[in-house]
C-alpha atoms as a PDB file:
ATOM      1  CA  ALA A   1     -11.443 -26.333 -12.819  1.00  0.00           C
ATOM      2  CA  GLY A   2     -15.128 -25.477 -12.136  1.00  0.00           C
ATOM      3  CA  VAL A   3     -14.369 -21.829 -11.254  1.00  0.00           C
ATOM      4  CA  GLU A   4     -16.297 -19.146 -13.078  1.00  0.00           C
ATOM      5  CA  VAL A   5     -14.410 -15.847 -13.438  1.00  0.00           C
ATOM      6  CA  VAL A   6     -16.745 -12.864 -13.778  1.00  0.00           C
ATOM      7  CA  THR A   7     -15.280  -9.431 -14.497  1.00  0.00           C
ATOM      8  CA  GLY A   8     -16.680  -5.988 -14.787  1.00  0.00           C
ATOM      9  CA  THR A   9     -19.396  -6.484 -12.094  1.00  0.00           C
ATOM     10  CA  ALA A  10     -20.146  -3.403 -10.028  1.00  0.00           C
ATOM     11  CA  VAL A  11     -20.546  -3.970  -6.265  1.00  0.00           C
ATOM     12  CA  GLU A  12     -23.843  -2.097  -5.756  1.00  0.00           C
ATOM     13  CA  SER A  13     -25.226  -4.333  -3.003  1.00  0.00           C
ATOM     14  CA  LEU A  14     -23.649  -6.497  -0.367  1.00  0.00           C
ATOM     15  CA  ASP A  15     -25.054  -8.640   2.405  1.00  0.00           C
ATOM     16  CA  PRO A  16     -22.128 -10.033   4.491  1.00  0.00           C
ATOM     17  CA  GLY A  17     -24.015 -13.079   5.668  1.00  0.00           C
ATOM     18  CA  ASP A  18     -23.203 -15.013   8.832  1.00  0.00           C
ATOM     19  CA  PRO A  19     -20.183 -17.349   9.205  1.00  0.00           C
ATOM     20  CA  ALA A  20     -22.432 -19.785  11.089  1.00  0.00           C
ATOM     21  CA  GLY A  21     -25.433 -19.456   8.783  1.00  0.00           C
ATOM     22  CA  ALA A  22     -26.503 -17.513   5.659  1.00  0.00           C
ATOM     23  CA  PRO A  23     -24.060 -17.045   2.831  1.00  0.00           C
ATOM     24  CA  ALA A  24     -22.856 -13.624   1.798  1.00  0.00           C
ATOM     25  CA  VAL A  25     -24.552 -12.114  -1.212  1.00  0.00           C
ATOM     26  CA  VAL A  26     -22.556  -9.675  -3.361  1.00  0.00           C
ATOM     27  CA  ALA A  27     -23.889  -8.193  -6.646  1.00  0.00           C
ATOM     28  CA  GLY A  28     -26.635 -10.797  -6.524  1.00  0.00           C
ATOM     29  CA  ARG A  29     -24.301 -13.793  -6.138  1.00  0.00           C
ATOM     30  CA  GLU A  30     -24.052 -16.035  -3.069  1.00  0.00           C
ATOM     31  CA  ALA A  31     -20.629 -16.750  -1.619  1.00  0.00           C
ATOM     32  CA  ASP A  32     -19.177 -18.762   1.269  1.00  0.00           C
ATOM     33  CA  LEU A  33     -16.404 -16.155   1.558  1.00  0.00           C
ATOM     34  CA  VAL A  34     -15.974 -12.710   0.084  1.00  0.00           C
ATOM     35  CA  VAL A  35     -12.455 -11.173  -0.047  1.00  0.00           C
ATOM     36  CA  GLY A  36     -12.690  -7.374  -0.174  1.00  0.00           C
ATOM     37  CA  ALA A  37      -9.566  -6.534  -2.193  1.00  0.00           C
ATOM     38  CA  ASP A  38     -10.922  -3.623  -4.239  1.00  0.00           C
ATOM     39  CA  GLY A  39      -8.368  -0.976  -3.341  1.00  0.00           C
ATOM     40  CA  MET A  40      -8.119   2.350  -1.659  1.00  0.00           C
ATOM     41  CA  HIS A  41     -11.604   3.521  -2.718  1.00  0.00           C
ATOM     42  CA  SER A  42     -13.204   0.154  -1.920  1.00  0.00           C
ATOM     43  CA  ARG A  43     -16.944  -0.250  -2.608  1.00  0.00           C
ATOM     44  CA  VAL A  44     -16.968  -3.268  -0.259  1.00  0.00           C
ATOM     45  CA  ARG A  45     -15.541  -1.172   2.577  1.00  0.00           C
ATOM     46  CA  ALA A  46     -18.079   1.598   1.890  1.00  0.00           C
ATOM     47  CA  ALA A  47     -20.947  -0.908   2.181  1.00  0.00           C
ATOM     48  CA  LEU A  48     -19.734  -2.509   5.417  1.00  0.00           C
ATOM     49  CA  TYR A  49     -17.914   0.301   7.212  1.00  0.00           C
ATOM     50  CA  PRO A  50     -19.777   3.556   6.456  1.00  0.00           C
ATOM     51  CA  GLY A  51     -17.670   6.647   7.089  1.00  0.00           C
ATOM     52  CA  ARG A  52     -14.338   4.789   6.891  1.00  0.00           C
ATOM     53  CA  GLU A  53     -13.143   6.596   3.761  1.00  0.00           C
ATOM     54  CA  ALA A  54      -9.678   7.141   2.398  1.00  0.00           C
ATOM     55  CA  VAL A  55      -8.442  10.735   2.871  1.00  0.00           C
ATOM     56  CA  TYR A  56      -6.112  12.834   0.811  1.00  0.00           C
ATOM     57  CA  SER A  57      -2.519  12.754   2.086  1.00  0.00           C
ATOM     58  CA  GLY A  58      -1.651  16.267   0.824  1.00  0.00           C
ATOM     59  CA  PHE A  59       0.689  14.695  -1.756  1.00  0.00           C
ATOM     60  CA  SER A  60       0.539  13.629  -5.384  1.00  0.00           C
ATOM     61  CA  SER A  61       2.936  11.405  -7.288  1.00  0.00           C
ATOM     62  CA  TRP A  62       4.339  11.433 -10.812  1.00  0.00           C
ATOM     63  CA  ARG A  63       5.473   8.030 -12.130  1.00  0.00           C
ATOM     64  CA  ALA A  64       7.120   6.838 -15.315  1.00  0.00           C
ATOM     65  CA  ILE A  65       9.148   4.037 -16.825  1.00  0.00           C
ATOM     66  CA  VAL A  66      12.053   5.157 -18.985  1.00  0.00           C
ATOM     67  CA  PRO A  67      13.671   2.825 -21.615  1.00  0.00           C
ATOM     68  CA  ALA A  68      17.176   3.248 -20.262  1.00  0.00           C
ATOM     69  CA  ARG A  69      19.225   2.242 -17.218  1.00  0.00           C
ATOM     70  CA  PHE A  70      19.611   4.970 -14.572  1.00  0.00           C
ATOM     71  CA  GLY A  71      20.924   5.003 -11.052  1.00  0.00           C
ATOM     72  CA  ASP A  72      21.940   2.113  -8.772  1.00  0.00           C
ATOM     73  CA  PRO A  73      21.051  -1.558  -9.027  1.00  0.00           C
ATOM     74  CA  THR A  74      18.507  -0.971  -6.246  1.00  0.00           C
ATOM     75  CA  LEU A  75      16.193   1.842  -5.191  1.00  0.00           C
ATOM     76  CA  ARG A  76      17.816   5.226  -4.727  1.00  0.00           C
ATOM     77  CA  GLN A  77      15.773   7.862  -2.925  1.00  0.00           C
ATOM     78  CA  TYR A  78      16.250  11.640  -2.718  1.00  0.00           C
ATOM     79  CA  TRP A  79      14.566  13.754  -0.033  1.00  0.00           C
ATOM     80  CA  GLY A  80      13.878  17.472  -0.171  1.00  0.00           C
ATOM     81  CA  PRO A  81      11.411  19.960   1.292  1.00  0.00           C
ATOM     82  CA  ARG A  82       7.901  18.425   1.054  1.00  0.00           C
ATOM     83  CA  ALA A  83       9.030  16.068  -1.719  1.00  0.00           C
ATOM     84  CA  GLU A  84      10.738  12.774  -2.507  1.00  0.00           C
ATOM     85  CA  PHE A  85      12.172  11.276  -5.652  1.00  0.00           C
ATOM     86  CA  GLY A  86      13.027   7.669  -6.298  1.00  0.00           C
ATOM     87  CA  VAL A  87      14.756   5.709  -9.098  1.00  0.00           C
ATOM     88  CA  MET A  88      15.126   1.989  -9.575  1.00  0.00           C
ATOM     89  CA  PRO A  89      15.818  -0.398 -12.440  1.00  0.00           C
ATOM     90  CA  VAL A  90      12.952  -2.641 -13.548  1.00  0.00           C
ATOM     91  CA  ARG A  91      14.766  -4.350 -16.439  1.00  0.00           C
ATOM     92  CA  GLU A  92      18.236  -4.295 -17.901  1.00  0.00           C
ATOM     93  CA  ASP A  93      17.120  -1.614 -20.296  1.00  0.00           C
ATOM     94  CA  ALA A  94      14.448   0.242 -18.261  1.00  0.00           C
ATOM     95  CA  SER A  95      14.176   2.304 -15.074  1.00  0.00           C
ATOM     96  CA  TYR A  96      11.168   3.411 -12.970  1.00  0.00           C
ATOM     97  CA  TRP A  97      11.018   6.735 -11.301  1.00  0.00           C
ATOM     98  CA  TYR A  98       8.523   8.575  -9.097  1.00  0.00           C
ATOM     99  CA  GLY A  99       8.288  12.144  -7.867  1.00  0.00           C
ATOM    100  CA  TYR A 100       6.137  12.493  -4.726  1.00  0.00           C
ATOM    101  CA  VAL A 101       5.292  16.148  -3.993  1.00  0.00           C
ATOM    102  CA  ALA A 102       3.003  18.319  -1.848  1.00  0.00           C
ATOM    103  CA  LEU A 103       0.108  19.543  -3.970  1.00  0.00           C
ATOM    104  CA  PRO A 104      -3.506  20.548  -3.359  1.00  0.00           C
ATOM    105  CA  GLU A 105      -5.892  17.765  -4.153  1.00  0.00           C
ATOM    106  CA  ARG A 106      -7.115  17.550  -7.766  1.00  0.00           C
ATOM    107  CA  THR A 107      -4.400  19.892  -9.064  1.00  0.00           C
ATOM    108  CA  THR A 108      -4.172  19.775 -12.866  1.00  0.00           C
ATOM    109  CA  HIS A 109      -1.325  20.871 -15.134  1.00  0.00           C
ATOM    110  CA  ASP A 110      -1.542  21.635 -18.846  1.00  0.00           C
ATOM    111  CA  ASP A 111       1.843  19.921 -19.257  1.00  0.00           C
ATOM    112  CA  GLU A 112       2.612  17.380 -16.549  1.00  0.00           C
ATOM    113  CA  LEU A 113       6.175  16.679 -17.742  1.00  0.00           C
ATOM    114  CA  ALA A 114       6.990  20.395 -17.724  1.00  0.00           C
ATOM    115  CA  ALA A 115       5.542  20.674 -14.205  1.00  0.00           C
ATOM    116  CA  ALA A 116       7.634  17.742 -12.975  1.00  0.00           C
ATOM    117  CA  ARG A 117      10.753  19.182 -14.626  1.00  0.00           C
ATOM    118  CA  ALA A 118      10.102  22.582 -12.945  1.00  0.00           C
ATOM    119  CA  ARG A 119       9.425  21.022  -9.530  1.00  0.00           C
ATOM    120  CA  PHE A 120      12.756  19.174  -9.501  1.00  0.00           C
ATOM    121  CA  ALA A 121      14.822  21.706 -11.482  1.00  0.00           C
ATOM    122  CA  ASP A 122      17.238  22.341  -8.622  1.00  0.00           C
ATOM    123  CA  TRP A 123      17.579  18.740  -7.442  1.00  0.00           C
ATOM    124  CA  ALA A 124      20.586  16.442  -8.052  1.00  0.00           C
ATOM    125  CA  ALA A 125      21.738  15.767 -11.604  1.00  0.00           C
ATOM    126  CA  PRO A 126      20.511  12.117 -11.695  1.00  0.00           C
ATOM    127  CA  VAL A 127      16.977  13.314 -10.915  1.00  0.00           C
ATOM    128  CA  ARG A 128      16.968  15.925 -13.680  1.00  0.00           C
ATOM    129  CA  GLU A 129      18.500  13.463 -16.173  1.00  0.00           C
ATOM    130  CA  ILE A 130      15.855  10.781 -15.818  1.00  0.00           C
ATOM    131  CA  ILE A 131      13.036  13.326 -16.043  1.00  0.00           C
ATOM    132  CA  ASP A 132      14.606  14.726 -19.219  1.00  0.00           C
ATOM    133  CA  ALA A 133      14.671  11.218 -20.626  1.00  0.00           C
ATOM    134  CA  THR A 134      10.926  10.807 -20.098  1.00  0.00           C
ATOM    135  CA  VAL A 135       8.405  11.249 -22.878  1.00  0.00           C
ATOM    136  CA  PRO A 136       5.052  12.815 -22.029  1.00  0.00           C
ATOM    137  CA  GLU A 137       3.101   9.679 -22.965  1.00  0.00           C
ATOM    138  CA  ALA A 138       4.956   7.635 -20.336  1.00  0.00           C
ATOM    139  CA  LEU A 139       4.125   9.940 -17.425  1.00  0.00           C
ATOM    140  CA  LEU A 140       1.282   9.457 -14.941  1.00  0.00           C
ATOM    141  CA  ARG A 141       0.312  11.398 -11.868  1.00  0.00           C
ATOM    142  CA  HIS A 142      -2.140  10.349  -9.170  1.00  0.00           C
ATOM    143  CA  ASP A 143      -3.198  12.011  -5.926  1.00  0.00           C
ATOM    144  CA  VAL A 144      -2.165   9.889  -2.927  1.00  0.00           C
ATOM    145  CA  HIS A 145      -4.809   8.837  -0.437  1.00  0.00           C
ATOM    146  CA  HIS A 146      -4.566   6.698   2.696  1.00  0.00           C
ATOM    147  CA  LEU A 147      -6.798   5.098   5.327  1.00  0.00           C
ATOM    148  CA  PRO A 148      -5.624   6.429   8.745  1.00  0.00           C
ATOM    149  CA  GLY A 149      -5.571   3.706  11.349  1.00  0.00           C
ATOM    150  CA  GLY A 150      -7.057   1.076   9.009  1.00  0.00           C
ATOM    151  CA  LEU A 151     -10.331  -0.702   9.739  1.00  0.00           C
ATOM    152  CA  PRO A 152     -11.354  -1.526  13.338  1.00  0.00           C
ATOM    153  CA  ARG A 153     -11.675  -5.160  12.340  1.00  0.00           C
ATOM    154  CA  CYS A 154     -10.650  -7.096   9.248  1.00  0.00           C
ATOM    155  CA  PHE A 155     -13.910  -9.040   8.790  1.00  0.00           C
ATOM    156  CA  THR A 156     -17.659  -8.679   8.960  1.00  0.00           C
ATOM    157  CA  GLY A 157     -19.859 -11.708   8.520  1.00  0.00           C
ATOM    158  CA  ARG A 158     -18.342 -13.752   5.693  1.00  0.00           C
ATOM    159  CA  VAL A 159     -16.380 -10.820   4.288  1.00  0.00           C
ATOM    160  CA  VAL A 160     -12.634 -10.446   4.934  1.00  0.00           C
ATOM    161  CA  MET A 161     -10.934  -7.169   3.984  1.00  0.00           C
ATOM    162  CA  ILE A 162      -7.380  -7.028   2.729  1.00  0.00           C
ATOM    163  CA  GLY A 163      -4.827  -4.660   1.111  1.00  0.00           C
ATOM    164  CA  ASP A 164      -5.594  -0.989   0.605  1.00  0.00           C
ATOM    165  CA  ALA A 165      -9.271  -1.705   1.170  1.00  0.00           C
ATOM    166  CA  ALA A 166      -8.425  -2.598   4.787  1.00  0.00           C
ATOM    167  CA  HIS A 167      -5.361  -0.529   5.616  1.00  0.00           C
ATOM    168  CA  GLY A 168      -4.212   1.835   2.919  1.00  0.00           C
ATOM    169  CA  PHE A 169      -0.853   3.399   3.776  1.00  0.00           C
ATOM    170  CA  VAL A 170       0.999   6.439   2.533  1.00  0.00           C
ATOM    171  CA  PRO A 171       3.641   5.040   0.151  1.00  0.00           C
ATOM    172  CA  THR A 172       6.747   6.244   1.981  1.00  0.00           C
ATOM    173  CA  MET A 173       7.848   2.732   3.024  1.00  0.00           C
ATOM    174  CA  GLY A 174       6.768   0.960  -0.141  1.00  0.00           C
ATOM    175  CA  GLN A 175       4.594  -1.540   1.792  1.00  0.00           C
ATOM    176  CA  GLY A 176       1.224  -1.169   0.104  1.00  0.00           C
ATOM    177  CA  ALA A 177       1.535  -3.947  -2.447  1.00  0.00           C
ATOM    178  CA  ALA A 178       3.794  -5.983  -0.175  1.00  0.00           C
ATOM    179  CA  SER A 179       1.250  -5.990   2.703  1.00  0.00           C
ATOM    180  CA  ALA A 180      -1.553  -6.860   0.261  1.00  0.00           C
ATOM    181  CA  LEU A 181       0.406  -9.900  -0.904  1.00  0.00           C
ATOM    182  CA  GLU A 182       0.956 -10.896   2.730  1.00  0.00           C
ATOM    183  CA  ASP A 183      -2.788 -10.490   3.371  1.00  0.00           C
ATOM    184  CA  GLY A 184      -3.653 -12.665   0.338  1.00  0.00           C
ATOM    185  CA  LEU A 185      -1.267 -15.416   1.452  1.00  0.00           C
ATOM    186  CA  CYS A 186      -2.710 -15.242   4.969  1.00  0.00           C
ATOM    187  CA  VAL A 187      -6.280 -15.615   3.734  1.00  0.00           C
ATOM    188  CA  GLY A 188      -5.151 -18.960   2.336  1.00  0.00           C
ATOM    189  CA  LEU A 189      -3.082 -19.992   5.395  1.00  0.00           C
ATOM    190  CA  LEU A 190      -5.331 -18.737   8.170  1.00  0.00           C
ATOM    191  CA  VAL A 191      -8.835 -19.042   6.636  1.00  0.00           C
ATOM    192  CA  GLY A 192      -8.841 -21.280   3.566  1.00  0.00           C
ATOM    193  CA  ARG A 193      -6.674 -24.121   4.821  1.00  0.00           C
ATOM    194  CA  PRO A 194      -8.225 -24.443   8.331  1.00  0.00           C
ATOM    195  CA  VAL A 195     -11.793 -24.237   7.064  1.00  0.00           C
ATOM    196  CA  THR A 196     -11.228 -26.927   4.383  1.00  0.00           C
ATOM    197  CA  GLN A 197      -9.876 -29.118   7.209  1.00  0.00           C
ATOM    198  CA  GLY A 198     -13.006 -28.632   9.320  1.00  0.00           C
ATOM    199  CA  ALA A 199     -12.295 -25.481  11.362  1.00  0.00           C
ATOM    200  CA  ASP A 200     -15.048 -23.001  12.160  1.00  0.00           C
ATOM    201  CA  LEU A 201     -15.162 -20.054   9.682  1.00  0.00           C
ATOM    202  CA  ARG A 202     -15.848 -17.403  12.283  1.00  0.00           C
ATOM    203  CA  ALA A 203     -12.907 -18.662  14.385  1.00  0.00           C
ATOM    204  CA  ALA A 204     -10.647 -18.621  11.293  1.00  0.00           C
ATOM    205  CA  LEU A 205     -11.616 -15.085  10.374  1.00  0.00           C
ATOM    206  CA  ALA A 206     -11.011 -13.961  13.963  1.00  0.00           C
ATOM    207  CA  ASP A 207      -7.573 -15.613  13.852  1.00  0.00           C
ATOM    208  CA  PHE A 208      -6.790 -13.766  10.596  1.00  0.00           C
ATOM    209  CA  ASP A 209      -7.767 -10.473  12.222  1.00  0.00           C
ATOM    210  CA  ARG A 210      -5.712 -11.230  15.340  1.00  0.00           C
ATOM    211  CA  GLN A 211      -2.574 -12.055  13.400  1.00  0.00           C
ATOM    212  CA  ARG A 212      -2.775  -9.441  10.574  1.00  0.00           C
ATOM    213  CA  ARG A 213      -4.256  -6.279  12.068  1.00  0.00           C
ATOM    214  CA  PRO A 214      -1.433  -5.529  14.539  1.00  0.00           C
ATOM    215  CA  ARG A 215       1.202  -5.782  11.786  1.00  0.00           C
ATOM    216  CA  THR A 216      -0.705  -3.652   9.287  1.00  0.00           C
ATOM    217  CA  ARG A 217      -1.464  -0.986  11.926  1.00  0.00           C
ATOM    218  CA  ALA A 218       2.210  -0.888  12.828  1.00  0.00           C
ATOM    219  CA  LEU A 219       3.137  -0.534   9.141  1.00  0.00           C
ATOM    220  CA  GLY A 220       0.650   2.305   8.790  1.00  0.00           C
ATOM    221  CA  ARG A 221       2.160   4.136  11.755  1.00  0.00           C
ATOM    222  CA  ALA A 222       5.660   3.561  10.525  1.00  0.00           C
ATOM    223  CA  SER A 223       4.800   4.803   7.057  1.00  0.00           C
ATOM    224  CA  LEU A 224       3.434   8.065   8.494  1.00  0.00           C
ATOM    225  CA  ALA A 225       6.449   8.427  10.763  1.00  0.00           C
ATOM    226  CA  SER A 226       8.763   7.902   7.751  1.00  0.00           C
ATOM    227  CA  ALA A 227       6.826  10.517   5.801  1.00  0.00           C
ATOM    228  CA  ARG A 228       7.092  13.087   8.587  1.00  0.00           C
ATOM    229  CA  PHE A 229      10.880  12.529   8.836  1.00  0.00           C
ATOM    230  CA  GLY A 230      11.412  12.357   5.122  1.00  0.00           C
ATOM    231  CA  SER A 231       9.310  13.580   2.241  1.00  0.00           C
ATOM    232  CA  HIS A 232       6.675  15.477   4.324  1.00  0.00           C
ATOM    233  CA  LEU A 233       9.272  17.513   6.193  1.00  0.00           C
ATOM    234  CA  GLY A 234       9.331  21.229   5.523  1.00  0.00           C
ATOM    235  CA  GLY A 235      12.324  23.225   4.371  1.00  0.00           C
ATOM    236  CA  GLY A 236      15.006  25.302   6.089  1.00  0.00           C
ATOM    237  CA  TRP A 237      16.592  24.189   9.340  1.00  0.00           C
ATOM    238  CA  ARG A 238      14.411  21.062   9.473  1.00  0.00           C
ATOM    239  CA  GLN A 239      16.221  19.633   6.452  1.00  0.00           C
ATOM    240  CA  THR A 240      19.639  20.459   7.928  1.00  0.00           C
ATOM    241  CA  VAL A 241      18.797  18.781  11.264  1.00  0.00           C
ATOM    242  CA  ARG A 242      17.277  15.707   9.617  1.00  0.00           C
ATOM    243  CA  ASN A 243      20.213  15.259   7.257  1.00  0.00           C
ATOM    244  CA  ALA A 244      22.639  15.481  10.178  1.00  0.00           C
ATOM    245  CA  ILE A 245      20.754  12.859  12.107  1.00  0.00           C
ATOM    246  CA  VAL A 246      20.778  10.524   9.061  1.00  0.00           C
ATOM    247  CA  ARG A 247      24.537  10.940   8.597  1.00  0.00           C
ATOM    248  CA  ARG A 248      25.174  10.101  12.228  1.00  0.00           C
ATOM    249  CA  THR A 249      22.856   7.090  12.357  1.00  0.00           C
ATOM    250  CA  PRO A 250      24.860   3.785  12.173  1.00  0.00           C
ATOM    251  CA  SER A 251      23.893   1.594   9.193  1.00  0.00           C
ATOM    252  CA  SER A 252      23.267  -1.238  11.663  1.00  0.00           C
ATOM    253  CA  VAL A 253      20.438   0.756  13.211  1.00  0.00           C
ATOM    254  CA  ALA A 254      18.833   1.394   9.862  1.00  0.00           C
ATOM    255  CA  LEU A 255      19.188  -2.300   8.894  1.00  0.00           C
ATOM    256  CA  ARG A 256      17.483  -3.389  12.151  1.00  0.00           C
ATOM    257  CA  GLY A 257      14.602  -1.111  11.321  1.00  0.00           C
ATOM    258  CA  ALA A 258      14.362  -2.547   7.789  1.00  0.00           C
ATOM    259  CA  ASP A 259      14.482  -6.126   9.112  1.00  0.00           C
ATOM    260  CA  SER A 260      11.473  -5.434  11.324  1.00  0.00           C
ATOM    261  CA  VAL A 261       9.525  -4.681   8.153  1.00  0.00           C
ATOM    262  CA  MET A 262      11.112  -6.971   5.594  1.00  0.00           C
ATOM    263  CA  GLY A 263      11.763  -9.882   7.940  1.00  0.00           C
ATOM    264  CA  TRP A 264       8.143 -11.021   8.033  1.00  0.00           C
ATOM    265  CA  THR A 265       7.491 -14.784   8.016  1.00  0.00           C
ATOM    266  CA  PRO A 266       4.117 -16.330   7.234  1.00  0.00           C
ATOM    267  CA  PRO A 267       2.096 -17.262  10.336  1.00  0.00           C
ATOM    268  CA  THR A 268       0.613 -20.556  11.229  1.00  0.00           C
ATOM    269  CA  SER A 269      -3.039 -21.073  12.065  1.00  0.00           C
ATOM    270  CA  ALA A 270      -3.831 -21.299  15.749  1.00  0.00           C
ATOM    271  CA  LEU A 271      -6.748 -23.521  14.798  1.00  0.00           C
ATOM    272  CA  LEU A 272      -4.588 -26.075  13.059  1.00  0.00           C
ATOM    273  CA  ASP A 273      -2.154 -26.004  16.008  1.00  0.00           C
ATOM    274  CA  ARG A 274      -4.997 -26.919  18.340  1.00  0.00           C
ATOM    275  CA  ARG A 275      -6.166 -29.668  16.010  1.00  0.00           C
ATOM    276  CA  GLY A 276      -2.643 -31.123  15.979  1.00  0.00           C
END
C-alpha cells in the first residue's frame, strides 16, 4: 500500500546522495535507497563506476524450451572442445536445453537452428535428439558477457549494487540468478531490517558489502575455474586428461565442492547483533 510502481523509465542521470545526508536522485526522483539491479549492462553501474564494463566471454549460448520430456530428472551436462550442452526438465511435459559454444562476438547465422544442429552434429544422441525436436521459433541465442572481479565495493552513497550489475559471472556454475536472489534477500536482512530498527544506513551498507562481496568474488573465480576445466577447454589431449581426472574423482569430493556453493545460509546483521 502506498507504493508507486513506475516502469519504462530510463536511467539517464543519477546522484548517489549521502547515507548521512542528501537523498539519492535517480531519473529525477528522490530515494532513501537505490538498488542497482539492472543487469549485466547496468546503466546504474556505468554512472557510478566508469570503466567497469562487462566484457565478452568468447562464448555465445543457444537456449530453447521443447514441449517434451528429455533426459534425467535433474540437469545433465555434456562437455566437449570449447562447448557445453545442458538439458533439464522444467515441467512434466517440457524440457530446457542450452548449447554454450565458442564464437566471435556478434556472430550472426541465417538459420540459428541449422547452425546449432551442425555445431553438435557429432555429439551424443540425446543432444542431437532434443535439438531435432526444437522449432526455430523457440530458439534464442545471446552472446555471454561477464564482469571480471566484480565491483570494488557494493555501494556508493545511497546506492547498493546487486546481481549481474555488481558481479556478473560466466554461467558455467549456474549461479547468476541464484546469487542475485541471495543479494536481494540480503538487502532486506542486512540493510532494510536494521535501518528500520534505527541502525545507521552507511553502517548497514558497509555490513552488506562485507558479508556479500567475498562470497560473490569467490563464486566469480569458481565459475571461471569451472569454465577453464569444462566448456572452455580446447580439444585433443586436454579432453582426454580432463575426462580421466573426472572419472577418478570420488563423488564425495564433487559433493563437497557443490555444498560450498549450494550450502549458503542467510547471514545475520552485525548491527542487530550489537543492538541485542
